[in-house]
């Protein structure tokens, strides 16, 4: 309910766009700022349109389907050989991939 009130009172203007850009550490030119302003106005208009829908007897939806934990069966399929796995590696020791050290002690 608080969110609905917030969107009703929200005005999309250059000040709001500047504030959002600052928070997101983004920089926009005039054309981009105008496009973002238009998009935000459309989004808020869509939310306001959704508020017109009567949801009085509709239960909250937590999941789109009633399916729970549907998993595929694990099957071993095409397997490549050890040599094929290593053949395109930039550096190997013949048995393992060699990579630069990334953790320093």
Protein backbone atom coordinates (compact mmCIF):
# COMPACT_ATOMS: atom_id res chain seq x y z
CA UNK A 1 0.00 0.00 0.00
CA UNK A 2 2.83 2.39 0.84
CA UNK A 3 4.42 1.64 -2.53
CA UNK A 4 1.18 2.54 -4.32
CA UNK A 5 1.04 5.91 -2.54
CA UNK A 6 4.68 6.53 -3.39
CA UNK A 7 4.11 5.95 -7.11
CA UNK A 8 1.03 8.19 -7.13
CA UNK A 9 3.02 11.06 -5.65
CA UNK A 10 6.21 10.47 -7.64
CA UNK A 11 7.02 13.00 -10.31
CA UNK A 12 9.54 11.98 -12.91
CA UNK A 13 11.61 15.08 -13.55
CA UNK A 14 15.22 15.97 -14.25
CA UNK A 15 15.99 16.16 -10.53
CA UNK A 16 14.84 12.58 -9.99
CA UNK A 17 16.83 11.35 -13.01
CA UNK A 18 19.94 13.16 -11.73
CA UNK A 19 19.48 11.64 -8.27
CA UNK A 20 19.05 8.11 -9.68
CA UNK A 21 22.05 8.58 -11.99
CA UNK A 22 24.17 9.73 -9.04
CA UNK A 23 23.10 6.75 -6.91
CA UNK A 24 23.87 4.34 -9.76
CA UNK A 25 27.10 6.16 -10.63
CA UNK A 26 25.90 6.73 -14.20
CA UNK A 27 26.26 9.71 -16.50
CA UNK A 28 23.71 10.61 -19.17
CA UNK A 29 23.66 13.15 -21.94
CA UNK A 30 20.49 15.18 -22.61
CA UNK A 31 19.04 12.66 -25.11
CA UNK A 32 19.64 9.70 -22.80
CA UNK A 33 18.19 11.58 -19.84
CA UNK A 34 15.04 12.39 -21.82
CA UNK A 35 14.69 8.73 -22.93
CA UNK A 36 15.08 7.51 -19.34
CA UNK A 37 12.56 10.08 -18.15
CA UNK A 38 10.06 8.83 -20.74
CA UNK A 39 10.67 5.18 -19.82
CA UNK A 40 10.20 5.86 -16.11
CA UNK A 41 6.96 7.71 -16.80
CA UNK A 42 5.72 4.71 -18.82
CA UNK A 43 6.66 2.32 -16.00
CA UNK A 44 4.84 4.38 -13.39
CA UNK A 45 1.87 4.66 -15.73
CA UNK A 46 1.84 0.86 -16.05
CA UNK A 47 1.90 0.46 -12.27
CA UNK A 48 -0.95 2.94 -11.94
CA UNK A 49 -2.87 0.97 -14.60
CA UNK A 50 -2.33 -2.25 -12.60
CA UNK A 51 -3.86 -0.58 -9.55
CA UNK A 52 -7.15 -0.40 -11.46
CA UNK A 53 -7.42 -4.21 -11.53
CA UNK A 54 -9.77 -5.64 -8.92
CA UNK A 55 -7.73 -8.11 -6.86
CA UNK A 56 -10.04 -8.26 -3.86
CA UNK A 57 -10.69 -12.04 -3.94
CA UNK A 58 -7.38 -13.11 -5.47
CA UNK A 59 -4.99 -15.06 -3.28
CA UNK A 60 -1.31 -14.02 -3.39
CA UNK A 61 0.70 -16.04 -5.89
CA UNK A 62 4.04 -17.26 -4.62
CA UNK A 63 4.88 -19.58 -7.53
CA UNK A 64 3.68 -19.68 -11.11
CA UNK A 65 3.08 -23.44 -11.03
CA UNK A 66 2.35 -26.04 -8.39
CA UNK A 67 5.39 -28.09 -9.43
CA UNK A 68 8.02 -28.60 -6.75
CA UNK A 69 11.66 -29.64 -7.24
CA UNK A 70 11.35 -31.06 -10.72
CA UNK A 71 14.73 -32.46 -11.61
CA UNK A 72 15.93 -34.35 -14.63
CA UNK A 73 17.52 -37.73 -14.25
CA UNK A 74 21.32 -37.73 -14.34
CA UNK A 75 22.53 -39.64 -17.35
CA UNK A 76 26.10 -40.13 -18.46
CA UNK A 77 26.23 -39.13 -22.07
CA UNK A 78 29.03 -38.28 -24.45
CA UNK A 79 32.36 -38.37 -22.63
CA UNK A 80 35.62 -36.99 -24.02
CA UNK A 81 38.98 -38.54 -23.37
CA UNK A 82 41.55 -37.04 -21.03
CA UNK A 83 43.79 -36.16 -23.98
CA UNK A 84 40.93 -34.45 -25.86
CA UNK A 85 40.11 -32.36 -22.77
CA UNK A 86 43.70 -31.14 -22.52
CA UNK A 87 44.48 -30.66 -26.22
CA UNK A 88 43.23 -27.03 -26.46
CA UNK A 89 44.55 -25.91 -23.09
CA UNK A 90 47.24 -23.23 -23.33
CA UNK A 91 49.43 -24.92 -20.70
CA UNK A 92 49.33 -28.43 -19.26
CA UNK A 93 51.71 -30.76 -17.52
CA UNK A 94 50.45 -33.67 -19.58
CA UNK A 95 47.89 -34.67 -16.97
CA UNK A 96 46.36 -31.44 -15.61
CA UNK A 97 45.57 -27.89 -16.73
CA UNK A 98 48.18 -25.41 -15.50
CA UNK A 99 46.97 -21.97 -14.49
CA UNK A 100 48.69 -18.95 -12.93
CA UNK A 101 48.75 -18.81 -9.14
CA UNK A 102 45.92 -16.60 -7.88
CA UNK A 103 46.11 -17.02 -4.11
CA UNK A 104 49.14 -15.55 -2.39
CA UNK A 105 50.16 -16.59 1.08
